[in-house]
Amino acid sequence: MKRPGSTPRVTVDHDRCELYGFCAADAPRLFELGQDGRLHFRKRLLGADDLDQAIAAARVCPAQAVVLRGDFDG
């Protein structure tokens, strides 16, 4: 749920995430798949330059595990 005036951020539902890596491929500034086999955030709070990658990652995730929160213009 969006709260008015909240900072845009990206989260991942790790219960849904199947580690396909599409989010890391489409949003390399935001995610990486670690050598430990887990998804790692490079950043969670999003700047204006990150919004396109965050939206792409949410759209491409087959498990619908990438969730955008906060206020977005896009």
PDB file of N, CA and C in Angstrom:
ATOM      1  N   MET A   1       0.844  -1.172   0.000  1.00  0.00           N
ATOM      2  CA  MET A   1       0.000   0.000   0.000  1.00  0.00           C
ATOM      3  C   MET A   1       0.890   1.236   0.000  1.00  0.00           C
ATOM      4  N   LYS A   2       0.531   2.215  -0.813  1.00  0.00           N
ATOM      5  CA  LYS A   2       1.285   3.454  -0.878  1.00  0.00           C
ATOM      6  C   LYS A   2       0.841   4.410   0.208  1.00  0.00           C
ATOM      7  N   ARG A   3       1.824   5.073   0.805  1.00  0.00           N
ATOM      8  CA  ARG A   3       1.523   6.142   1.742  1.00  0.00           C
ATOM      9  C   ARG A   3       1.871   7.449   1.065  1.00  0.00           C
ATOM     10  N   PRO A   4       0.989   8.448   1.126  1.00  0.00           N
ATOM     11  CA  PRO A   4       1.294   9.725   0.485  1.00  0.00           C
ATOM     12  C   PRO A   4       2.597  10.295   1.016  1.00  0.00           C
ATOM     13  N   GLY A   5       3.445  10.740   0.097  1.00  0.00           N
ATOM     14  CA  GLY A   5       4.694  11.365   0.475  1.00  0.00           C
ATOM     15  C   GLY A   5       5.802  10.413   0.859  1.00  0.00           C
ATOM     16  N   SER A   6       5.594   9.113   0.695  1.00  0.00           N
ATOM     17  CA  SER A   6       6.637   8.166   1.085  1.00  0.00           C
ATOM     18  C   SER A   6       7.672   8.026  -0.035  1.00  0.00           C
ATOM     19  N   THR A   7       8.903   7.754   0.357  1.00  0.00           N
ATOM     20  CA  THR A   7      10.014   7.627  -0.575  1.00  0.00           C
ATOM     21  C   THR A   7       9.842   6.369  -1.418  1.00  0.00           C
ATOM     22  N   PRO A   8      10.031   6.469  -2.738  1.00  0.00           N
ATOM     23  CA  PRO A   8       9.957   5.272  -3.571  1.00  0.00           C
ATOM     24  C   PRO A   8      11.027   4.264  -3.150  1.00  0.00           C
ATOM     25  N   ARG A   9      10.632   3.006  -3.052  1.00  0.00           N
ATOM     26  CA  ARG A   9      11.577   1.952  -2.689  1.00  0.00           C
ATOM     27  C   ARG A   9      11.129   0.638  -3.324  1.00  0.00           C
ATOM     28  N   VAL A  10      12.054  -0.275  -3.370  1.00  0.00           N
ATOM     29  CA  VAL A  10      11.777  -1.586  -3.939  1.00  0.00           C
ATOM     30  C   VAL A  10      11.983  -2.624  -2.842  1.00  0.00           C
ATOM     31  N   THR A  11      11.101  -3.600  -2.799  1.00  0.00           N
ATOM     32  CA  THR A  11      11.234  -4.706  -1.867  1.00  0.00           C
ATOM     33  C   THR A  11      11.052  -6.012  -2.635  1.00  0.00           C
ATOM     34  N   VAL A  12      11.454  -7.089  -2.011  1.00  0.00           N
ATOM     35  CA  VAL A  12      11.290  -8.412  -2.609  1.00  0.00           C
ATOM     36  C   VAL A  12      10.640  -9.317  -1.580  1.00  0.00           C
ATOM     37  N   ASP A  13       9.609 -10.013  -2.007  1.00  0.00           N
ATOM     38  CA  ASP A  13       8.976 -11.023  -1.167  1.00  0.00           C
ATOM     39  C   ASP A  13       9.812 -12.298  -1.316  1.00  0.00           C
ATOM     40  N   HIS A  14      10.674 -12.552  -0.348  1.00  0.00           N
ATOM     41  CA  HIS A  14      11.595 -13.686  -0.453  1.00  0.00           C
ATOM     42  C   HIS A  14      10.884 -15.034  -0.372  1.00  0.00           C
ATOM     43  N   ASP A  15       9.653 -15.054   0.106  1.00  0.00           N
ATOM     44  CA  ASP A  15       8.875 -16.295   0.087  1.00  0.00           C
ATOM     45  C   ASP A  15       8.433 -16.642  -1.333  1.00  0.00           C
ATOM     46  N   ARG A  16       8.278 -15.622  -2.179  1.00  0.00           N
ATOM     47  CA  ARG A  16       7.861 -15.843  -3.568  1.00  0.00           C
ATOM     48  C   ARG A  16       9.045 -15.962  -4.518  1.00  0.00           C
ATOM     49  N   CYS A  17      10.156 -15.321  -4.174  1.00  0.00           N
ATOM     50  CA  CYS A  17      11.316 -15.244  -5.070  1.00  0.00           C
ATOM     51  C   CYS A  17      11.868 -16.638  -5.353  1.00  0.00           C
ATOM     52  N   GLU A  18      12.044 -16.942  -6.637  1.00  0.00           N
ATOM     53  CA  GLU A  18      12.595 -18.232  -7.065  1.00  0.00           C
ATOM     54  C   GLU A  18      14.016 -18.089  -7.610  1.00  0.00           C
ATOM     55  N   LEU A  19      14.608 -16.902  -7.483  1.00  0.00           N
ATOM     56  CA  LEU A  19      15.992 -16.632  -7.893  1.00  0.00           C
ATOM     57  C   LEU A  19      16.230 -16.857  -9.381  1.00  0.00           C
ATOM     58  N   TYR A  20      15.264 -16.480 -10.205  1.00  0.00           N
ATOM     59  CA  TYR A  20      15.454 -16.571 -11.652  1.00  0.00           C
ATOM     60  C   TYR A  20      16.520 -15.588 -12.133  1.00  0.00           C
ATOM     61  N   GLY A  21      16.642 -14.445 -11.463  1.00  0.00           N
ATOM     62  CA  GLY A  21      17.664 -13.466 -11.816  1.00  0.00           C
ATOM     63  C   GLY A  21      17.253 -12.440 -12.845  1.00  0.00           C
ATOM     64  N   PHE A  22      15.998 -12.478 -13.278  1.00  0.00           N
ATOM     65  CA  PHE A  22      15.554 -11.493 -14.264  1.00  0.00           C
ATOM     66  C   PHE A  22      15.620 -10.074 -13.707  1.00  0.00           C
ATOM     67  N   CYS A  23      15.340  -9.919 -12.428  1.00  0.00           N
ATOM     68  CA  CYS A  23      15.400  -8.590 -11.811  1.00  0.00           C
ATOM     69  C   CYS A  23      16.828  -8.061 -11.843  1.00  0.00           C
ATOM     70  N   ALA A  24      17.802  -8.916 -11.556  1.00  0.00           N
ATOM     71  CA  ALA A  24      19.200  -8.492 -11.574  1.00  0.00           C
ATOM     72  C   ALA A  24      19.655  -8.150 -12.992  1.00  0.00           C
ATOM     73  N   ALA A  25      19.126  -8.859 -13.981  1.00  0.00           N
ATOM     74  CA  ALA A  25      19.481  -8.570 -15.371  1.00  0.00           C
ATOM     75  C   ALA A  25      18.875  -7.251 -15.835  1.00  0.00           C
ATOM     76  N   ASP A  26      17.633  -6.979 -15.461  1.00  0.00           N
ATOM     77  CA  ASP A  26      16.949  -5.761 -15.898  1.00  0.00           C
ATOM     78  C   ASP A  26      17.229  -4.563 -15.002  1.00  0.00           C
ATOM     79  N   ALA A  27      17.683  -4.800 -13.787  1.00  0.00           N
ATOM     80  CA  ALA A  27      17.933  -3.704 -12.841  1.00  0.00           C
ATOM     81  C   ALA A  27      19.257  -3.928 -12.104  1.00  0.00           C
ATOM     82  N   PRO A  28      20.375  -3.911 -12.833  1.00  0.00           N
ATOM     83  CA  PRO A  28      21.659  -4.203 -12.193  1.00  0.00           C
ATOM     84  C   PRO A  28      22.093  -3.160 -11.164  1.00  0.00           C
ATOM     85  N   ARG A  29      21.543  -1.953 -11.226  1.00  0.00           N
ATOM     86  CA  ARG A  29      21.863  -0.957 -10.189  1.00  0.00           C
ATOM     87  C   ARG A  29      21.150  -1.268  -8.881  1.00  0.00           C
ATOM     88  N   LEU A  30      20.113  -2.104  -8.943  1.00  0.00           N
ATOM     89  CA  LEU A  30      19.291  -2.362  -7.765  1.00  0.00           C
ATOM     90  C   LEU A  30      19.517  -3.737  -7.149  1.00  0.00           C
ATOM     91  N   PHE A  31      19.804  -4.746  -7.978  1.00  0.00           N
ATOM     92  CA  PHE A  31      19.896  -6.127  -7.504  1.00  0.00           C
ATOM     93  C   PHE A  31      21.147  -6.814  -8.027  1.00  0.00           C
ATOM     94  N   GLU A  32      21.555  -7.843  -7.295  1.00  0.00           N
ATOM     95  CA  GLU A  32      22.562  -8.768  -7.796  1.00  0.00           C
ATOM     96  C   GLU A  32      22.294 -10.137  -7.179  1.00  0.00           C
ATOM     97  N   LEU A  33      22.608 -11.162  -7.937  1.00  0.00           N
ATOM     98  CA  LEU A  33      22.562 -12.516  -7.394  1.00  0.00           C
ATOM     99  C   LEU A  33      23.945 -12.805  -6.842  1.00  0.00           C
ATOM    100  N   GLY A  34      23.999 -13.079  -5.556  1.00  0.00           N
ATOM    101  CA  GLY A  34      25.278 -13.301  -4.893  1.00  0.00           C
ATOM    102  C   GLY A  34      25.822 -14.686  -5.144  1.00  0.00           C
ATOM    103  N   GLN A  35      27.100 -14.846  -4.865  1.00  0.00           N
ATOM    104  CA  GLN A  35      27.733 -16.156  -4.999  1.00  0.00           C
ATOM    105  C   GLN A  35      27.149 -17.151  -4.009  1.00  0.00           C
ATOM    106  N   ASP A  36      26.482 -16.628  -2.981  1.00  0.00           N
ATOM    107  CA  ASP A  36      25.829 -17.497  -2.003  1.00  0.00           C
ATOM    108  C   ASP A  36      24.473 -17.994  -2.493  1.00  0.00           C
ATOM    109  N   GLY A  37      24.098 -17.600  -3.746  1.00  0.00           N
ATOM    110  CA  GLY A  37      22.843 -18.048  -4.317  1.00  0.00           C
ATOM    111  C   GLY A  37      21.633 -17.262  -3.854  1.00  0.00           C
ATOM    112  N   ARG A  38      21.866 -16.137  -3.188  1.00  0.00           N
ATOM    113  CA  ARG A  38      20.761 -15.314  -2.694  1.00  0.00           C
ATOM    114  C   ARG A  38      20.706 -13.999  -3.454  1.00  0.00           C
ATOM    115  N   LEU A  39      19.537 -13.407  -3.454  1.00  0.00           N
ATOM    116  CA  LEU A  39      19.348 -12.098  -4.064  1.00  0.00           C
ATOM    117  C   LEU A  39      19.781 -11.027  -3.071  1.00  0.00           C
ATOM    118  N   HIS A  40      20.593 -10.095  -3.542  1.00  0.00           N
ATOM    119  CA  HIS A  40      21.073  -8.999  -2.703  1.00  0.00           C
ATOM    120  C   HIS A  40      20.646  -7.670  -3.310  1.00  0.00           C
ATOM    121  N   PHE A  41      20.322  -6.741  -2.441  1.00  0.00           N
ATOM    122  CA  PHE A  41      20.000  -5.389  -2.883  1.00  0.00           C
ATOM    123  C   PHE A  41      21.282  -4.584  -3.018  1.00  0.00           C
ATOM    124  N   ARG A  42      21.385  -3.843  -4.077  1.00  0.00           N
ATOM    125  CA  ARG A  42      22.435  -2.833  -4.180  1.00  0.00           C
ATOM    126  C   ARG A  42      21.907  -1.539  -3.570  1.00  0.00           C
ATOM    127  N   LYS A  43      20.620  -1.280  -3.754  1.00  0.00           N
ATOM    128  CA  LYS A  43      19.949  -0.158  -3.099  1.00  0.00           C
ATOM    129  C   LYS A  43      18.466  -0.457  -3.017  1.00  0.00           C
ATOM    130  N   ARG A  44      17.825   0.058  -1.988  1.00  0.00           N
ATOM    131  CA  ARG A  44      16.383  -0.129  -1.795  1.00  0.00           C
ATOM    132  C   ARG A  44      15.621   1.168  -1.992  1.00  0.00           C
ATOM    133  N   LEU A  45      16.200   2.265  -1.502  1.00  0.00           N
ATOM    134  CA  LEU A  45      15.569   3.565  -1.707  1.00  0.00           C
ATOM    135  C   LEU A  45      15.933   4.044  -3.099  1.00  0.00           C
ATOM    136  N   LEU A  46      14.935   4.482  -3.840  1.00  0.00           N
ATOM    137  CA  LEU A  46      15.121   4.769  -5.251  1.00  0.00           C
ATOM    138  C   LEU A  46      15.216   6.259  -5.524  1.00  0.00           C
ATOM    139  N   GLY A  47      16.171   6.611  -6.361  1.00  0.00           N
ATOM    140  CA  GLY A  47      16.263   7.958  -6.892  1.00  0.00           C
ATOM    141  C   GLY A  47      15.555   8.003  -8.234  1.00  0.00           C
ATOM    142  N   ALA A  48      15.452   9.183  -8.798  1.00  0.00           N
ATOM    143  CA  ALA A  48      14.764   9.354 -10.083  1.00  0.00           C
ATOM    144  C   ALA A  48      15.401   8.494 -11.176  1.00  0.00           C
ATOM    145  N   ASP A  49      16.716   8.309 -11.133  1.00  0.00           N
ATOM    146  CA  ASP A  49      17.412   7.521 -12.148  1.00  0.00           C
ATOM    147  C   ASP A  49      17.172   6.023 -12.006  1.00  0.00           C
ATOM    148  N   ASP A  50      16.627   5.596 -10.895  1.00  0.00           N
ATOM    149  CA  ASP A  50      16.412   4.170 -10.635  1.00  0.00           C
ATOM    150  C   ASP A  50      15.007   3.691 -10.981  1.00  0.00           C
ATOM    151  N   LEU A  51      14.089   4.607 -11.182  1.00  0.00           N
ATOM    152  CA  LEU A  51      12.682   4.217 -11.325  1.00  0.00           C
ATOM    153  C   LEU A  51      12.434   3.311 -12.521  1.00  0.00           C
ATOM    154  N   ASP A  52      13.054   3.614 -13.668  1.00  0.00           N
ATOM    155  CA  ASP A  52      12.838   2.770 -14.847  1.00  0.00           C
ATOM    156  C   ASP A  52      13.293   1.336 -14.595  1.00  0.00           C
ATOM    157  N   GLN A  53      14.451   1.172 -13.953  1.00  0.00           N
ATOM    158  CA  GLN A  53      14.935  -0.178 -13.665  1.00  0.00           C
ATOM    159  C   GLN A  53      14.038  -0.886 -12.658  1.00  0.00           C
ATOM    160  N   ALA A  54      13.559  -0.159 -11.666  1.00  0.00           N
ATOM    161  CA  ALA A  54      12.686  -0.772 -10.659  1.00  0.00           C
ATOM    162  C   ALA A  54      11.382  -1.255 -11.286  1.00  0.00           C
ATOM    163  N   ILE A  55      10.807  -0.441 -12.132  1.00  0.00           N
ATOM    164  CA  ILE A  55       9.556  -0.815 -12.807  1.00  0.00           C
ATOM    165  C   ILE A  55       9.792  -2.014 -13.719  1.00  0.00           C
ATOM    166  N   ALA A  56      10.905  -2.012 -14.457  1.00  0.00           N
ATOM    167  CA  ALA A  56      11.227  -3.142 -15.338  1.00  0.00           C
ATOM    168  C   ALA A  56      11.403  -4.426 -14.540  1.00  0.00           C
ATOM    169  N   ALA A  57      12.076  -4.338 -13.401  1.00  0.00           N
ATOM    170  CA  ALA A  57      12.292  -5.529 -12.570  1.00  0.00           C
ATOM    171  C   ALA A  57      10.973  -6.089 -12.057  1.00  0.00           C
ATOM    172  N   ALA A  58      10.079  -5.221 -11.642  1.00  0.00           N
ATOM    173  CA  ALA A  58       8.777  -5.676 -11.151  1.00  0.00           C
ATOM    174  C   ALA A  58       7.970  -6.331 -12.267  1.00  0.00           C
ATOM    175  N   ARG A  59       8.051  -5.781 -13.456  1.00  0.00           N
ATOM    176  CA  ARG A  59       7.285  -6.332 -14.584  1.00  0.00           C
ATOM    177  C   ARG A  59       7.834  -7.669 -15.058  1.00  0.00           C
ATOM    178  N   VAL A  60       9.153  -7.841 -15.015  1.00  0.00           N
ATOM    179  CA  VAL A  60       9.769  -9.034 -15.585  1.00  0.00           C
ATOM    180  C   VAL A  60       9.759 -10.227 -14.627  1.00  0.00           C
ATOM    181  N   CYS A  61       9.534 -10.002 -13.360  1.00  0.00           N
ATOM    182  CA  CYS A  61       9.612 -11.086 -12.377  1.00  0.00           C
ATOM    183  C   CYS A  61       8.463 -12.085 -12.567  1.00  0.00           C
ATOM    184  N   PRO A  62       8.764 -13.335 -12.954  1.00  0.00           N
ATOM    185  CA  PRO A  62       7.695 -14.309 -13.171  1.00  0.00           C
ATOM    186  C   PRO A  62       6.994 -14.723 -11.878  1.00  0.00           C
ATOM    187  N   ALA A  63       7.668 -14.568 -10.745  1.00  0.00           N
ATOM    188  CA  ALA A  63       7.073 -14.923  -9.453  1.00  0.00           C
ATOM    189  C   ALA A  63       6.344 -13.747  -8.812  1.00  0.00           C
ATOM    190  N   GLN A  64       6.399 -12.593  -9.460  1.00  0.00           N
ATOM    191  CA  GLN A  64       5.795 -11.361  -8.933  1.00  0.00           C
ATOM    192  C   GLN A  64       6.280 -11.082  -7.512  1.00  0.00           C
ATOM    193  N   ALA A  65       7.586 -11.294  -7.311  1.00  0.00           N
ATOM    194  CA  ALA A  65       8.177 -11.100  -5.991  1.00  0.00           C
ATOM    195  C   ALA A  65       8.713  -9.684  -5.781  1.00  0.00           C
ATOM    196  N   VAL A  66       8.976  -8.960  -6.869  1.00  0.00           N
ATOM    197  CA  VAL A  66       9.497  -7.594  -6.767  1.00  0.00           C
ATOM    198  C   VAL A  66       8.320  -6.648  -6.589  1.00  0.00           C
ATOM    199  N   VAL A  67       8.363  -5.881  -5.511  1.00  0.00           N
ATOM    200  CA  VAL A  67       7.251  -4.995  -5.154  1.00  0.00           C
ATOM    201  C   VAL A  67       7.774  -3.568  -5.041  1.00  0.00           C
ATOM    202  N   LEU A  68       7.073  -2.649  -5.683  1.00  0.00           N
ATOM    203  CA  LEU A  68       7.407  -1.231  -5.597  1.00  0.00           C
ATOM    204  C   LEU A  68       6.509  -0.590  -4.558  1.00  0.00           C
ATOM    205  N   ARG A  69       7.106   0.221  -3.715  1.00  0.00           N
ATOM    206  CA  ARG A  69       6.359   0.890  -2.648  1.00  0.00           C
ATOM    207  C   ARG A  69       6.693   2.374  -2.664  1.00  0.00           C
ATOM    208  N   GLY A  70       5.797   3.162  -2.100  1.00  0.00           N
ATOM    209  CA  GLY A  70       6.022   4.596  -2.025  1.00  0.00           C
ATOM    210  C   GLY A  70       5.390   5.324  -3.193  1.00  0.00           C
ATOM    211  N   ASP A  71       5.753   6.590  -3.335  1.00  0.00           N
ATOM    212  CA  ASP A  71       5.188   7.431  -4.389  1.00  0.00           C
ATOM    213  C   ASP A  71       6.030   7.352  -5.653  1.00  0.00           C
ATOM    214  N   PHE A  72       5.368   7.074  -6.776  1.00  0.00           N
ATOM    215  CA  PHE A  72       6.013   6.994  -8.081  1.00  0.00           C
ATOM    216  C   PHE A  72       5.294   7.919  -9.037  1.00  0.00           C
ATOM    217  N   ASP A  73       6.066   8.540  -9.915  1.00  0.00           N
ATOM    218  CA  ASP A  73       5.464   9.329 -10.983  1.00  0.00           C
ATOM    219  C   ASP A  73       5.228   8.467 -12.205  1.00  0.00           C
ATOM    220  N   GLY A  74       5.898   7.281 -12.271  1.00  0.00           N
ATOM    221  CA  GLY A  74       5.827   6.453 -13.460  1.00  0.00           C
ATOM    222  C   GLY A  74       4.929   5.281 -13.317  1.00  0.00           C
TER     223      GLY A  74
END
